């Protein structure tokens, strides 16, 4: 099965509240939203970031704007006011998320071998 990078199909935005990072992902094309819902799971995001995200990642679907939102608790090394990290707000996390590899949206159409 061929894989693609998320950044070729979507854009993302990061926000923060304390030690929680909120990552929102929106497909460039509305037709790719069902593929993102199927493939971009909370588990896959958790695995992508590994031990950096110490708590469970929760995903929320926002179909009226064709978006997915991931709430990542304990992801900012204590939060903006207590972290010694260079990116205390976690703004670079959206770029890191877009580097995630996913099965191609056309993979479901391709015959299995």
C-alpha atoms as a PDB file:
ATOM      1  CA  UNK A   1       0.000   0.000   0.000  1.00  0.00           C
ATOM      2  CA  UNK A   2       1.404   3.388  -0.910  1.00  0.00           C
ATOM      3  CA  UNK A   3       1.640   6.132   1.667  1.00  0.00           C
ATOM      4  CA  UNK A   4       1.466   9.910   1.433  1.00  0.00           C
ATOM      5  CA  UNK A   5       2.391  12.750   3.747  1.00  0.00           C
ATOM      6  CA  UNK A   6      -0.445  14.556   5.449  1.00  0.00           C
ATOM      7  CA  UNK A   7       0.990  17.958   4.438  1.00  0.00           C
ATOM      8  CA  UNK A   8       0.172  17.204   0.782  1.00  0.00           C
ATOM      9  CA  UNK A   9      -3.533  16.943   1.633  1.00  0.00           C
ATOM     10  CA  UNK A  10      -4.192  19.181   4.638  1.00  0.00           C
ATOM     11  CA  UNK A  11      -3.160  22.175   6.690  1.00  0.00           C
ATOM     12  CA  UNK A  12      -3.040  22.398  10.474  1.00  0.00           C
ATOM     13  CA  UNK A  13      -3.108  24.896  13.284  1.00  0.00           C
ATOM     14  CA  UNK A  14      -1.907  24.533  16.862  1.00  0.00           C
ATOM     15  CA  UNK A  15      -3.264  26.193  19.973  1.00  0.00           C
ATOM     16  CA  UNK A  16      -2.551  25.766  23.662  1.00  0.00           C
ATOM     17  CA  UNK A  17      -4.184  25.978  27.057  1.00  0.00           C
ATOM     18  CA  UNK A  18      -1.796  25.350  29.911  1.00  0.00           C
ATOM     19  CA  UNK A  19      -0.136  21.988  29.309  1.00  0.00           C
ATOM     20  CA  UNK A  20      -2.651  20.987  26.609  1.00  0.00           C
ATOM     21  CA  UNK A  21      -1.955  21.295  22.890  1.00  0.00           C
ATOM     22  CA  UNK A  22      -4.913  21.515  20.530  1.00  0.00           C
ATOM     23  CA  UNK A  23      -4.118  20.518  16.949  1.00  0.00           C
ATOM     24  CA  UNK A  24      -6.689  21.163  14.221  1.00  0.00           C
ATOM     25  CA  UNK A  25      -6.412  19.609  10.760  1.00  0.00           C
ATOM     26  CA  UNK A  26      -8.362  20.664   7.657  1.00  0.00           C
ATOM     27  CA  UNK A  27      -8.148  19.032   4.226  1.00  0.00           C
ATOM     28  CA  UNK A  28      -7.350  21.239   1.251  1.00  0.00           C
ATOM     29  CA  UNK A  29     -10.185  19.499  -0.614  1.00  0.00           C
ATOM     30  CA  UNK A  30     -13.536  18.741   1.024  1.00  0.00           C
ATOM     31  CA  UNK A  31     -13.611  15.362  -0.722  1.00  0.00           C
ATOM     32  CA  UNK A  32     -10.610  14.250   1.349  1.00  0.00           C
ATOM     33  CA  UNK A  33     -12.421  14.755   4.662  1.00  0.00           C
ATOM     34  CA  UNK A  34     -13.876  11.188   4.816  1.00  0.00           C
ATOM     35  CA  UNK A  35     -10.384   9.799   4.150  1.00  0.00           C
ATOM     36  CA  UNK A  36      -8.962  11.906   7.009  1.00  0.00           C
ATOM     37  CA  UNK A  37     -11.748  10.741   9.331  1.00  0.00           C
ATOM     38  CA  UNK A  38     -10.903   7.133   8.460  1.00  0.00           C
ATOM     39  CA  UNK A  39      -7.100   7.336   8.584  1.00  0.00           C
ATOM     40  CA  UNK A  40      -6.119  10.174  10.921  1.00  0.00           C
ATOM     41  CA  UNK A  41      -7.058   8.539  14.198  1.00  0.00           C
ATOM     42  CA  UNK A  42      -6.189   9.637  17.714  1.00  0.00           C
ATOM     43  CA  UNK A  43      -4.152   6.463  18.072  1.00  0.00           C
ATOM     44  CA  UNK A  44      -2.135   7.258  14.959  1.00  0.00           C
ATOM     45  CA  UNK A  45      -1.433  10.800  16.209  1.00  0.00           C
ATOM     46  CA  UNK A  46      -0.437   9.441  19.634  1.00  0.00           C
ATOM     47  CA  UNK A  47       1.941   6.974  17.993  1.00  0.00           C
ATOM     48  CA  UNK A  48       3.400   9.691  15.738  1.00  0.00           C
ATOM     49  CA  UNK A  49       4.371  11.869  18.711  1.00  0.00           C
ATOM     50  CA  UNK A  50       5.334   8.925  20.913  1.00  0.00           C
ATOM     51  CA  UNK A  51       6.290   9.478  24.520  1.00  0.00           C
ATOM     52  CA  UNK A  52       6.327  13.246  24.029  1.00  0.00           C
ATOM     53  CA  UNK A  53       2.560  13.187  24.566  1.00  0.00           C
ATOM     54  CA  UNK A  54       2.252  11.685  28.040  1.00  0.00           C
ATOM     55  CA  UNK A  55      -1.535  11.457  28.181  1.00  0.00           C
ATOM     56  CA  UNK A  56      -4.161  10.093  25.830  1.00  0.00           C
ATOM     57  CA  UNK A  57      -4.884  12.041  22.638  1.00  0.00           C
ATOM     58  CA  UNK A  58      -8.609  12.664  22.028  1.00  0.00           C
ATOM     59  CA  UNK A  59     -10.032  13.365  18.577  1.00  0.00           C
ATOM     60  CA  UNK A  60     -13.122  15.400  17.797  1.00  0.00           C
ATOM     61  CA  UNK A  61     -14.756  15.510  14.380  1.00  0.00           C
ATOM     62  CA  UNK A  62     -16.063  18.882  13.211  1.00  0.00           C
ATOM     63  CA  UNK A  63     -17.900  17.971   9.998  1.00  0.00           C
ATOM     64  CA  UNK A  64     -19.555  21.358   9.475  1.00  0.00           C
ATOM     65  CA  UNK A  65     -16.085  22.830   8.785  1.00  0.00           C
ATOM     66  CA  UNK A  66     -14.563  19.563   7.501  1.00  0.00           C
ATOM     67  CA  UNK A  67     -12.022  19.465  10.316  1.00  0.00           C
ATOM     68  CA  UNK A  68     -10.526  17.213  12.946  1.00  0.00           C
ATOM     69  CA  UNK A  69      -9.374  18.480  16.309  1.00  0.00           C
ATOM     70  CA  UNK A  70      -6.915  16.635  18.540  1.00  0.00           C
ATOM     71  CA  UNK A  71      -6.709  17.490  22.227  1.00  0.00           C
ATOM     72  CA  UNK A  72      -3.318  16.428  23.551  1.00  0.00           C
ATOM     73  CA  UNK A  73      -2.985  16.747  27.320  1.00  0.00           C
ATOM     74  CA  UNK A  74       0.423  16.814  29.023  1.00  0.00           C
ATOM     75  CA  UNK A  75       2.017  17.687  25.681  1.00  0.00           C
ATOM     76  CA  UNK A  76       3.789  20.959  26.488  1.00  0.00           C
ATOM     77  CA  UNK A  77       6.281  19.994  29.189  1.00  0.00           C
ATOM     78  CA  UNK A  78       4.361  21.718  31.953  1.00  0.00           C
ATOM     79  CA  UNK A  79       2.845  24.563  29.953  1.00  0.00           C
ATOM     80  CA  UNK A  80       3.893  27.963  28.703  1.00  0.00           C
ATOM     81  CA  UNK A  81       4.849  29.464  32.036  1.00  0.00           C
ATOM     82  CA  UNK A  82       6.728  26.466  33.431  1.00  0.00           C
ATOM     83  CA  UNK A  83       8.421  24.822  30.446  1.00  0.00           C
ATOM     84  CA  UNK A  84      12.048  25.343  29.508  1.00  0.00           C
ATOM     85  CA  UNK A  85      11.327  24.134  25.968  1.00  0.00           C
ATOM     86  CA  UNK A  86      12.075  26.486  23.072  1.00  0.00           C
ATOM     87  CA  UNK A  87       8.537  26.136  21.714  1.00  0.00           C
ATOM     88  CA  UNK A  88       6.534  26.551  24.916  1.00  0.00           C
ATOM     89  CA  UNK A  89       3.270  27.199  23.041  1.00  0.00           C
ATOM     90  CA  UNK A  90       3.727  24.072  20.908  1.00  0.00           C
ATOM     91  CA  UNK A  91       3.135  25.932  17.631  1.00  0.00           C
ATOM     92  CA  UNK A  92       5.595  23.685  15.778  1.00  0.00           C
ATOM     93  CA  UNK A  93       3.520  20.611  16.682  1.00  0.00           C
ATOM     94  CA  UNK A  94       1.143  21.309  13.788  1.00  0.00           C
ATOM     95  CA  UNK A  95       4.058  21.110  11.329  1.00  0.00           C
ATOM     96  CA  UNK A  96       5.259  17.896  12.937  1.00  0.00           C
ATOM     97  CA  UNK A  97       1.766  16.428  12.676  1.00  0.00           C
ATOM     98  CA  UNK A  98       1.642  17.243   8.954  1.00  0.00           C
ATOM     99  CA  UNK A  99       4.778  15.111   8.437  1.00  0.00           C
ATOM    100  CA  UNK A 100       2.754  12.020   9.404  1.00  0.00           C
ATOM    101  CA  UNK A 101       2.540   9.291   6.742  1.00  0.00           C
ATOM    102  CA  UNK A 102      -0.911   7.918   5.941  1.00  0.00           C
ATOM    103  CA  UNK A 103      -2.181   5.327   3.486  1.00  0.00           C
ATOM    104  CA  UNK A 104      -2.921   7.014   0.171  1.00  0.00           C
ATOM    105  CA  UNK A 105      -6.518   8.206  -0.191  1.00  0.00           C
ATOM    106  CA  UNK A 106      -6.625   6.146  -3.400  1.00  0.00           C
ATOM    107  CA  UNK A 107      -5.490   2.974  -1.612  1.00  0.00           C
ATOM    108  CA  UNK A 108      -9.083   1.926  -0.930  1.00  0.00           C
ATOM    109  CA  UNK A 109      -9.788   2.030  -4.667  1.00  0.00           C
ATOM    110  CA  UNK A 110      -6.672   0.074  -5.647  1.00  0.00           C
ATOM    111  CA  UNK A 111      -7.018  -3.688  -6.023  1.00  0.00           C
ATOM    112  CA  UNK A 112      -5.268  -5.693  -3.331  1.00  0.00           C
ATOM    113  CA  UNK A 113      -2.335  -7.844  -4.427  1.00  0.00           C
END
